[in-house]
Amino acid sequence: MPYFDAASSAPLHPVARQALIAALDEGWADPARLYREGRRARMLLDAAREAAAEAVGCRPDELVFTSSGTRAVHSGVAGALAGRRRTGRHLVVSGVEHSSVLHSAAAHEEQGGAAERVPVERTGAVDAEVFAGALREDTALACLQSANHEVGTVQPVAAVAGACRAAGVPLLVDAAQSLPWGPVGGDWSLLTASSHKWGGPAGVGLLVVRKGVRFAAQGPLDERESGRAPGFENLPAIVAAAASLRAVHAEAAQEAARLRELTARIRARVPELVPDAEVVGDAERRLPHLVTFSCLYVDGETLLHELDQAGFSVSSGSSCTSSTLEPSHVLKAMGALSEGNVRVSLPMGAADDDVERFLAVLPGAVAAVREKLGAPVAAGRAAGSESLVLDVLGRQCPVPVIELGKVIGDVPVGGTVTVLSDDEVAALDIRAWCHMRKQEFVGEEPADRGTAYTVRRVS
């Protein structure tokens, strides 16, 4: 069964498995102790730190191992903000950061700080000048991912880091998605990453704090990991994480070129094979292994189940599930369709034949979901009234755009359809529908119940 969800967690690399097994025998003792077993464990820990630092491009004494990438982010944000508290309490992040960064920003706001979220372009990238414009005299910290985890867009880290350096503001880079492909360029100040993204064991994160960056670790501390990651080190996992990071970097250039060709094939052929589908994210400045596309009139979770039944493990760019009913914050920030999203992230070694089989299966899977949901078929009906009101109150995404697609052909060119909806996701989906179908979004206004969204038929 092809596994196409490496952006969530990559399969354990063979080198990681070998290192893990060896370290279970040699690295069980306390590396803080001076007896023989402790010294042996310390040697393994030091060697792992040096290998990881070399892969990141930092000094070994700038890098500590944490219990996860999320913990690295939380510790990095909190420590940097506390270290620069005299400067101010203003935090700048992009609108498409990983949830760990946004949760840290929310916690900062709850404690009386200010967090500014910089908008992104439709590709998912920030404009470096706009980001620089958000920096203030009281800005204590800025955060920018190196590449987006949902759509693969690579951010202008070097340009933003330069602007932050000029403003005297440290920049924390979440490098979880890009570090498997090489070091992050630019004059950044802090960096975080997670082992399971590059084929290492889960439960190991990296936190790098450059020398000279004001940093005050928060919470109860102990003597381990420079006081920045308390608790007994999971040495076997750390050794395996460092070994696999070195191994994937040795393979990265060749494998990146091969996977980029495969994802370029998916980007080109999905719109040809699936009607009303749009590939999202930057076509050029992107990770080599990741591609995300949106299909109109499709529920993303239902489509994932269809693909799973066909033998493909993929994920959805949308988090709008029956339990949360919340759209992806990344797609929302981009103005992309929040429903019917599929994220394909190929692991190293992914086979060409598996990609071809996926492309062969996808059209039928999308058609099956659309049929179940009663999606509209090709237009061609005679136009009637100049305007229609479509009441979909009480019905959740993606029903509002499905019903809109059914009736848009019932008004003449220049006519309007007003959609009444109380689903907050409709505000995003109807705009995205207009963009994809090349119709005009006229506007929205409060209604007696919910909101009225007006669309004008252009063609």
Protein backbone atom coordinates (compact mmCIF):
# COMPACT_ATOMS: atom_id res chain seq x y z
CA MET A 1 0.00 0.00 0.00
CA PRO A 2 1.71 3.24 -1.12
CA TYR A 3 2.31 5.64 1.76
CA PHE A 4 2.04 9.23 0.53
CA ASP A 5 1.96 11.15 3.84
CA ALA A 6 5.63 11.75 4.61
CA ALA A 7 4.89 15.37 5.60
CA SER A 8 3.05 14.02 8.64
CA SER A 9 5.65 11.42 9.53
CA ALA A 10 8.29 9.77 7.35
CA PRO A 11 8.91 6.00 7.54
CA LEU A 12 11.80 5.05 9.80
CA HIS A 13 15.02 5.26 7.80
CA PRO A 14 17.09 2.03 7.72
CA VAL A 15 20.06 3.90 9.20
CA ALA A 16 17.84 5.12 12.06
CA ARG A 17 16.72 1.57 12.78
CA GLN A 18 20.30 0.29 12.89
CA ALA A 19 21.48 3.17 15.10
CA LEU A 20 18.51 2.78 17.43
CA ILE A 21 19.13 -0.91 18.01
CA ALA A 22 22.84 -0.36 18.61
CA ALA A 23 22.22 2.54 21.00
CA LEU A 24 19.76 0.49 23.04
CA ASP A 25 22.70 -1.70 24.03
CA GLU A 26 25.31 1.06 24.43
CA GLY A 27 23.36 4.18 25.42
CA TRP A 28 21.15 3.17 28.31
CA ALA A 29 23.21 4.74 31.11
CA ASP A 30 23.01 8.30 32.47
CA PRO A 31 25.31 10.52 30.35
CA ALA A 32 25.71 12.87 33.34
CA ARG A 33 27.54 10.23 35.37
CA LEU A 34 31.32 9.80 35.50
CA TYR A 35 31.57 6.03 35.62
CA ARG A 36 32.37 3.96 32.54
CA GLU A 37 28.80 3.36 31.31
CA GLY A 38 27.97 7.04 31.83
CA ARG A 39 31.06 8.15 29.92
CA ARG A 40 30.11 5.85 27.05
CA ALA A 41 26.61 7.34 26.99
CA ARG A 42 28.06 10.87 27.06
CA MET A 43 30.26 10.07 24.07
CA LEU A 44 27.21 8.89 22.13
CA LEU A 45 25.24 12.02 23.08
CA ASP A 46 28.11 14.35 22.14
CA ALA A 47 28.62 12.59 18.81
CA ALA A 48 24.90 12.83 18.03
CA ARG A 49 24.89 16.54 18.88
CA GLU A 50 27.89 17.19 16.64
CA ALA A 51 26.31 15.29 13.75
CA ALA A 52 23.00 17.13 14.12
CA ALA A 53 24.73 20.51 14.41
CA GLU A 54 26.73 19.84 11.26
CA ALA A 55 23.52 18.99 9.38
CA VAL A 56 21.77 22.12 10.66
CA GLY A 57 24.77 24.40 10.17
CA CYS A 58 25.29 25.56 13.74
CA ARG A 59 27.68 25.04 16.65
CA PRO A 60 27.15 21.92 18.77
CA ASP A 61 26.77 24.02 21.92
CA GLU A 62 23.91 25.95 20.26
CA LEU A 63 21.78 22.82 19.79
CA VAL A 64 19.75 20.92 22.38
CA PHE A 65 17.52 17.87 21.98
CA THR A 66 13.91 18.15 23.14
CA SER A 67 11.11 15.63 23.54
CA SER A 68 9.42 16.69 20.27
CA GLY A 69 9.38 19.36 17.59
CA THR A 70 6.33 20.90 19.24
CA ARG A 71 8.17 21.13 22.55
CA ALA A 72 11.10 22.74 20.75
CA VAL A 73 8.77 25.41 19.32
CA HIS A 74 7.04 26.07 22.63
CA SER A 75 10.35 26.29 24.51
CA GLY A 76 11.98 28.39 21.80
CA VAL A 77 9.17 30.94 21.57
CA ALA A 78 8.69 31.23 25.33
CA GLY A 79 12.43 31.46 26.04
CA ALA A 80 13.10 34.07 23.37
CA LEU A 81 10.15 36.21 24.44
CA ALA A 82 11.22 36.04 28.07
CA GLY A 83 14.82 36.85 27.20
CA ARG A 84 13.76 40.04 25.42
CA ARG A 85 10.97 41.11 27.72
CA ARG A 86 12.64 44.48 28.34
CA THR A 87 12.43 45.20 24.61
CA GLY A 88 8.70 44.61 24.49
CA ARG A 89 6.00 41.97 24.23
CA HIS A 90 5.18 42.17 20.52
CA LEU A 91 5.40 38.87 18.59
CA VAL A 92 5.22 38.59 14.79
CA VAL A 93 4.25 35.34 13.04
CA SER A 94 2.96 34.45 9.59
CA GLY A 95 -0.67 33.46 9.14
CA VAL A 96 0.28 29.98 7.92
CA GLU A 97 2.60 28.82 10.70
CA HIS A 98 2.32 25.34 12.17
CA SER A 99 -0.24 25.06 14.95
CA SER A 100 2.55 24.77 17.55
CA VAL A 101 3.68 28.32 16.70
CA LEU A 102 0.13 29.66 16.63
CA HIS A 103 -0.63 28.00 19.97
CA SER A 104 2.47 29.66 21.43
CA ALA A 105 1.27 32.99 20.03
CA ALA A 106 -2.17 32.47 21.57
CA ALA A 107 -0.61 31.65 24.95
CA HIS A 108 1.49 34.81 24.71
CA GLU A 109 -1.66 36.86 24.08
CA GLU A 110 -3.42 35.23 27.03
CA GLN A 111 -0.52 36.40 29.23
CA GLY A 112 -0.94 40.00 28.09
CA GLY A 113 1.39 40.03 25.08
CA ALA A 114 0.57 41.07 21.53
CA ALA A 115 0.80 38.76 18.51
CA GLU A 116 0.60 40.06 14.95
CA ARG A 117 -0.16 37.60 12.14
CA VAL A 118 1.29 38.58 8.76
CA PRO A 119 -0.97 37.66 5.81
CA VAL A 120 0.27 35.56 2.90
CA GLU A 121 -0.18 35.66 -0.85
CA ARG A 122 -2.36 33.12 -2.63
CA THR A 123 0.70 30.89 -3.07
CA GLY A 124 1.05 30.65 0.71
CA ALA A 125 4.22 32.75 0.89
CA VAL A 126 4.71 35.94 2.87
CA ASP A 127 5.96 39.07 1.16
CA ALA A 128 9.30 39.83 2.83
CA GLU A 129 8.65 43.57 2.73
CA VAL A 130 5.21 43.16 4.31
CA PHE A 131 6.73 40.96 7.01
CA ALA A 132 9.45 43.54 7.64
CA GLY A 133 6.78 46.22 7.90
CA ALA A 134 5.20 44.37 10.83
CA LEU A 135 8.36 44.69 12.93
CA ARG A 136 8.25 47.40 15.60
CA GLU A 137 10.52 48.85 18.23
CA ASP A 138 8.83 46.66 20.84
CA THR A 139 8.97 43.46 18.76
CA ALA A 140 10.62 40.79 20.89
CA LEU A 141 10.52 37.91 18.42
CA ALA A 142 9.48 36.99 14.87
CA CYS A 143 8.60 33.47 13.66
CA LEU A 144 8.57 32.16 10.10
CA GLN A 145 8.47 28.58 8.87
CA SER A 146 11.03 27.58 6.27
CA ALA A 147 8.38 25.79 4.21
CA ASN A 148 4.68 25.22 4.67
CA HIS A 149 3.59 21.83 5.96
CA GLU A 150 0.26 21.76 4.08
CA VAL A 151 1.07 23.11 0.61
CA GLY A 152 4.88 22.93 0.44
CA THR A 153 5.52 26.60 -0.37
CA VAL A 154 9.05 27.70 0.57
CA GLN A 155 9.19 30.97 2.47
CA PRO A 156 11.69 33.81 1.81
CA VAL A 157 13.56 33.08 5.03
CA ALA A 158 16.86 34.71 4.01
CA ALA A 159 15.17 38.00 3.08
CA VAL A 160 13.03 38.03 6.23
CA ALA A 161 16.03 37.10 8.39
CA GLY A 162 17.96 40.02 6.92
CA ALA A 163 15.12 42.40 7.71
CA CYS A 164 14.87 41.04 11.25
CA ARG A 165 18.62 41.37 11.75
CA ALA A 166 18.49 44.98 10.56
CA ALA A 167 15.67 45.69 13.00
CA GLY A 168 17.46 43.91 15.87
CA VAL A 169 14.73 41.28 16.16
CA PRO A 170 15.60 37.56 16.51
CA LEU A 171 13.92 35.25 13.98
CA LEU A 172 12.79 31.74 14.96
CA VAL A 173 12.52 29.38 11.98
CA ASP A 174 10.36 26.27 12.15
CA ALA A 175 12.37 24.02 9.82
CA ALA A 176 10.43 20.80 10.43
CA GLN A 177 9.44 20.30 6.78
CA SER A 178 12.56 21.54 5.01
CA LEU A 179 15.44 20.30 7.18
CA PRO A 180 15.39 16.80 5.60
CA TRP A 181 16.37 18.48 2.32
CA GLY A 182 19.23 20.59 3.66
CA PRO A 183 20.22 23.41 6.02
CA VAL A 184 18.13 26.57 6.23
CA GLY A 185 19.90 29.59 4.75
CA GLY A 186 19.79 33.11 6.09
CA ASP A 187 20.87 34.85 9.27
CA TRP A 188 18.23 33.31 11.54
CA SER A 189 18.54 33.31 15.33
CA LEU A 190 16.60 30.25 16.50
CA LEU A 191 15.56 27.07 14.71
CA THR A 192 13.36 24.09 15.54
CA ALA A 193 12.83 20.72 13.86
CA SER A 194 11.42 17.26 14.49
CA SER A 195 13.09 13.88 13.95
CA HIS A 196 10.10 11.97 12.63
CA LYS A 197 9.89 14.34 9.64
CA TRP A 198 13.18 12.99 8.22
CA GLY A 199 12.85 9.30 9.06
CA GLY A 200 14.12 9.39 12.62
CA PRO A 201 12.16 8.17 15.65
CA ALA A 202 9.28 10.19 16.97
CA GLY A 203 9.87 11.95 20.28
CA VAL A 204 13.05 13.83 19.37
CA GLY A 205 13.10 17.52 18.51
CA LEU A 206 15.85 20.04 17.89
CA LEU A 207 16.10 23.53 19.35
CA VAL A 208 18.94 25.76 18.19
CA VAL A 209 19.63 29.09 19.87
CA ARG A 210 22.48 31.05 18.28
CA LYS A 211 25.14 32.55 20.50
CA GLY A 212 24.31 36.11 21.42
CA VAL A 213 20.52 35.61 21.34
CA ARG A 214 18.92 36.64 24.61
CA PHE A 215 17.14 33.55 25.90
CA ALA A 216 15.59 32.69 29.27
CA ALA A 217 14.30 29.12 29.50
CA GLN A 218 10.86 28.96 31.11
CA GLY A 219 9.37 26.47 33.55
CA PRO A 220 11.11 24.19 36.05
CA LEU A 221 14.70 23.61 34.93
CA ASP A 222 17.43 21.09 35.58
CA GLU A 223 21.04 20.66 34.53
CA ARG A 224 20.35 18.70 31.34
CA GLU A 225 20.56 20.10 27.80
CA SER A 226 21.87 23.47 28.99
CA GLY A 227 18.77 23.86 31.13
CA ARG A 228 16.60 24.22 28.02
CA ALA A 229 15.12 20.70 27.84
CA PRO A 230 14.73 19.17 31.30
CA GLY A 231 14.47 15.46 31.80
CA PHE A 232 16.50 12.33 31.12
CA GLU A 233 17.58 12.24 27.47
CA ASN A 234 16.14 9.49 25.26
CA LEU A 235 19.63 8.67 24.10
CA PRO A 236 18.89 5.76 21.74
CA ALA A 237 16.29 7.86 19.90
CA ILE A 238 18.62 10.88 19.80
CA VAL A 239 21.43 8.78 18.32
CA ALA A 240 19.05 7.36 15.70
CA ALA A 241 17.69 10.82 14.88
CA ALA A 242 21.16 12.27 14.28
CA ALA A 243 22.28 9.27 12.23
CA SER A 244 19.20 9.39 9.99
CA LEU A 245 19.49 13.17 9.48
CA ARG A 246 23.05 12.72 8.25
CA ALA A 247 21.91 9.85 6.00
CA VAL A 248 19.00 11.72 4.40
CA HIS A 249 21.22 14.74 3.73
CA ALA A 250 23.63 12.49 1.86
CA GLU A 251 20.73 11.33 -0.34
CA ALA A 252 18.85 14.64 -0.52
CA ALA A 253 20.11 16.21 -3.75
CA GLN A 254 19.51 13.17 -5.94
CA GLU A 255 16.23 12.21 -4.30
CA ALA A 256 14.91 15.79 -4.39
CA ALA A 257 15.39 15.96 -8.15
CA ARG A 258 13.59 12.65 -8.64
CA LEU A 259 10.66 13.45 -6.36
CA ARG A 260 10.30 16.95 -7.80
CA GLU A 261 9.66 15.39 -11.20
CA LEU A 262 7.00 13.11 -9.72
CA THR A 263 5.20 15.92 -7.89
CA ALA A 264 5.44 18.11 -11.00
CA ARG A 265 3.68 15.30 -12.87
CA ILE A 266 0.90 15.28 -10.27
CA ARG A 267 0.61 19.08 -10.42
CA ALA A 268 0.24 18.99 -14.21
CA ARG A 269 -2.08 16.03 -14.58
CA VAL A 270 -4.58 16.44 -11.74
CA PRO A 271 -6.33 19.44 -13.39
CA GLU A 272 -6.41 17.48 -16.66
CA LEU A 273 -7.85 14.32 -15.09
CA VAL A 274 -10.26 15.84 -12.55
CA PRO A 275 -12.79 18.52 -13.59
CA ASP A 276 -12.99 21.52 -11.25
CA ALA A 277 -9.69 20.79 -9.52
CA GLU A 278 -6.98 23.30 -8.64
CA VAL A 279 -3.42 22.72 -7.44
CA VAL A 280 -2.52 25.10 -4.60
CA GLY A 281 0.83 26.43 -3.40
CA ASP A 282 3.77 27.91 -5.30
CA ALA A 283 4.59 25.99 -8.48
CA GLU A 284 8.33 26.75 -8.32
CA ARG A 285 9.37 27.72 -4.78
CA ARG A 286 8.20 24.52 -3.12
CA LEU A 287 9.39 21.41 -1.35
CA PRO A 288 10.31 18.65 -3.79
CA HIS A 289 8.08 15.93 -2.34
CA LEU A 290 4.80 17.70 -1.54
CA VAL A 291 1.80 18.71 -3.64
CA THR A 292 -1.72 19.71 -2.57
CA PHE A 293 -4.82 20.13 -4.71
CA SER A 294 -8.45 21.08 -4.12
CA CYS A 295 -11.50 19.52 -5.77
CA LEU A 296 -14.79 21.38 -5.90
CA TYR A 297 -17.94 19.65 -4.61
CA VAL A 298 -15.98 17.11 -2.59
CA ASP A 299 -15.77 16.41 1.12
CA GLY A 300 -12.09 15.94 1.88
CA GLU A 301 -12.48 13.27 4.55
CA THR A 302 -14.78 11.19 2.36
CA LEU A 303 -12.29 11.41 -0.49
CA LEU A 304 -9.48 10.24 1.82
CA HIS A 305 -11.53 7.19 2.72
CA GLU A 306 -12.11 6.44 -0.97
CA LEU A 307 -8.39 6.68 -1.68
CA ASP A 308 -7.59 4.59 1.38
CA GLN A 309 -9.91 1.88 0.09
CA ALA A 310 -8.03 2.05 -3.21
CA GLY A 311 -4.75 1.48 -1.36
CA PHE A 312 -3.32 5.01 -1.02
CA SER A 313 -2.42 6.71 2.26
CA VAL A 314 -2.72 10.46 1.78
CA SER A 315 -3.81 13.34 3.99
CA SER A 316 -6.07 16.31 3.57
CA GLY A 317 -5.09 19.95 3.56
CA SER A 318 -8.42 20.54 5.24
CA SER A 319 -9.13 19.91 8.90
CA CYS A 320 -12.88 20.37 8.40
CA THR A 321 -14.08 17.10 9.85
CA SER A 322 -17.34 16.00 11.38
CA SER A 323 -15.80 16.57 14.81
CA THR A 324 -14.31 20.07 14.40
CA LEU A 325 -16.05 21.62 11.38
CA GLU A 326 -13.09 23.98 11.16
CA PRO A 327 -11.29 24.76 7.88
CA SER A 328 -7.52 24.60 7.54
CA HIS A 329 -6.05 27.89 8.74
CA VAL A 330 -3.42 27.64 5.98
CA LEU A 331 -5.96 27.30 3.17
CA LYS A 332 -8.09 30.01 4.73
CA ALA A 333 -5.14 32.40 4.85
CA MET A 334 -4.37 31.62 1.20
CA GLY A 335 -7.98 32.09 0.10
CA ALA A 336 -8.00 28.53 -1.25
CA LEU A 337 -10.91 26.11 -1.22
CA SER A 338 -11.17 24.53 2.22
CA GLU A 339 -12.96 21.39 1.07
CA GLY A 340 -11.91 18.49 -1.13
CA ASN A 341 -8.21 18.95 -0.41
CA VAL A 342 -5.66 16.18 -0.84
CA ARG A 343 -2.04 16.49 0.28
CA VAL A 344 0.36 14.06 -1.37
CA SER A 345 3.79 14.00 0.29
CA LEU A 346 6.08 11.36 -1.16
CA PRO A 347 8.59 9.58 1.07
CA MET A 348 12.14 9.07 -0.11
CA GLY A 349 12.17 6.08 -2.41
CA ALA A 350 8.58 6.56 -3.63
CA ALA A 351 8.05 4.59 -6.83
CA ASP A 352 7.12 6.05 -10.21
CA ASP A 353 4.59 3.25 -10.78
CA ASP A 354 2.80 4.07 -7.53
CA VAL A 355 2.35 7.69 -8.62
CA GLU A 356 0.94 6.54 -11.95
CA ARG A 357 -1.51 4.22 -10.19
CA PHE A 358 -2.57 7.08 -7.92
CA LEU A 359 -3.30 9.28 -10.93
CA ALA A 360 -5.29 6.45 -12.51
CA VAL A 361 -7.39 5.91 -9.37
CA LEU A 362 -7.99 9.57 -8.42
CA PRO A 363 -10.60 10.57 -11.07
CA GLY A 364 -12.88 7.67 -10.18
CA ALA A 365 -12.54 8.36 -6.45
CA VAL A 366 -13.46 12.03 -6.90
CA ALA A 367 -16.40 11.15 -9.17
CA ALA A 368 -17.70 8.64 -6.62
CA VAL A 369 -17.65 11.21 -3.81
CA ARG A 370 -19.32 13.84 -5.98
CA GLU A 371 -22.06 11.38 -6.88
CA LYS A 372 -22.66 10.54 -3.22
CA LEU A 373 -22.93 14.25 -2.37
CA GLY A 374 -25.19 15.07 -5.33
CA ALA A 375 -22.70 17.44 -6.92
CA PRO A 376 -23.72 19.38 -10.07
CA VAL A 377 -23.01 18.01 -13.52
CA ALA A 378 -21.84 20.06 -16.49
CA ALA A 379 -23.81 23.24 -17.06
CA GLY A 380 -25.95 23.84 -20.12
CA ARG A 381 -29.45 24.60 -18.89
CA ALA A 382 -31.41 27.54 -20.17
CA ALA A 383 -31.11 30.65 -18.04
CA GLY A 384 -34.19 31.82 -16.22
CA SER A 385 -34.62 34.54 -13.59
CA GLU A 386 -32.15 37.41 -13.30
CA SER A 387 -31.56 36.52 -9.64
CA LEU A 388 -32.03 33.59 -7.33
CA VAL A 389 -31.88 33.11 -3.57
CA LEU A 390 -30.38 29.82 -2.44
CA ASP A 391 -31.23 28.84 1.14
CA VAL A 392 -28.70 26.36 2.58
CA LEU A 393 -29.11 27.37 6.22
CA GLY A 394 -28.25 24.56 8.59
CA ARG A 395 -26.21 22.69 5.99
CA GLN A 396 -22.46 22.30 6.37
CA CYS A 397 -19.54 22.46 3.96
CA PRO A 398 -19.23 21.49 1.14
CA VAL A 399 -23.02 21.62 0.56
CA PRO A 400 -23.25 25.42 0.00
CA VAL A 401 -20.89 25.38 -3.00
CA ILE A 402 -22.42 22.15 -4.33
CA GLU A 403 -25.85 23.78 -4.39
CA LEU A 404 -24.41 27.01 -5.81
CA GLY A 405 -22.83 25.03 -8.63
CA LYS A 406 -26.19 23.43 -9.41
CA VAL A 407 -28.11 26.69 -9.79
CA ILE A 408 -25.58 29.15 -11.27
CA GLY A 409 -26.68 28.05 -14.74
CA ASP A 410 -30.27 28.99 -13.91
CA VAL A 411 -29.47 32.71 -14.09
CA PRO A 412 -28.29 34.50 -17.25
CA VAL A 413 -24.83 35.98 -17.64
CA GLY A 414 -24.88 39.07 -15.44
CA GLY A 415 -27.49 37.57 -13.14
CA THR A 416 -26.87 36.83 -9.47
CA VAL A 417 -27.30 34.03 -6.97
CA THR A 418 -27.53 34.94 -3.29
CA VAL A 419 -26.53 32.12 -0.97
CA LEU A 420 -27.95 32.14 2.57
CA SER A 421 -25.66 30.15 4.86
CA ASP A 422 -24.88 29.94 8.57
CA ASP A 423 -21.76 27.81 8.04
CA GLU A 424 -18.70 30.00 8.70
CA VAL A 425 -16.68 28.00 6.16
CA ALA A 426 -18.99 29.22 3.38
CA ALA A 427 -17.29 32.64 3.50
CA LEU A 428 -14.07 31.01 2.35
CA ASP A 429 -15.48 28.33 0.07
CA ILE A 430 -17.77 30.60 -1.95
CA ARG A 431 -14.93 33.03 -2.65
CA ALA A 432 -12.68 30.13 -3.64
CA TRP A 433 -15.47 28.71 -5.84
CA CYS A 434 -15.75 32.04 -7.66
CA HIS A 435 -11.98 32.12 -8.21
CA MET A 436 -11.91 28.57 -9.57
CA ARG A 437 -15.08 28.91 -11.69
CA LYS A 438 -14.19 32.44 -12.86
CA GLN A 439 -17.39 33.96 -11.52
CA GLU A 440 -17.66 37.27 -9.63
CA PHE A 441 -17.99 37.39 -5.87
CA VAL A 442 -20.10 40.51 -5.31
CA GLY A 443 -20.03 40.61 -1.52
CA GLU A 444 -21.63 39.49 1.72
CA GLU A 445 -23.93 40.99 4.31
CA PRO A 446 -25.64 39.84 7.50
CA ALA A 447 -29.02 38.16 7.06
CA ASP A 448 -31.80 37.40 9.55
CA ARG A 449 -30.03 34.07 10.00
CA GLY A 450 -26.44 33.58 8.95
CA THR A 451 -24.95 35.54 6.08
CA ALA A 452 -26.02 36.35 2.51
CA TYR A 453 -23.28 35.82 -0.11
CA THR A 454 -23.97 37.22 -3.57
CA VAL A 455 -22.35 35.80 -6.71
CA ARG A 456 -22.70 37.20 -10.25
CA ARG A 457 -22.55 34.85 -13.22
CA VAL A 458 -19.79 35.98 -15.58
CA SER A 459 -19.83 33.13 -18.10
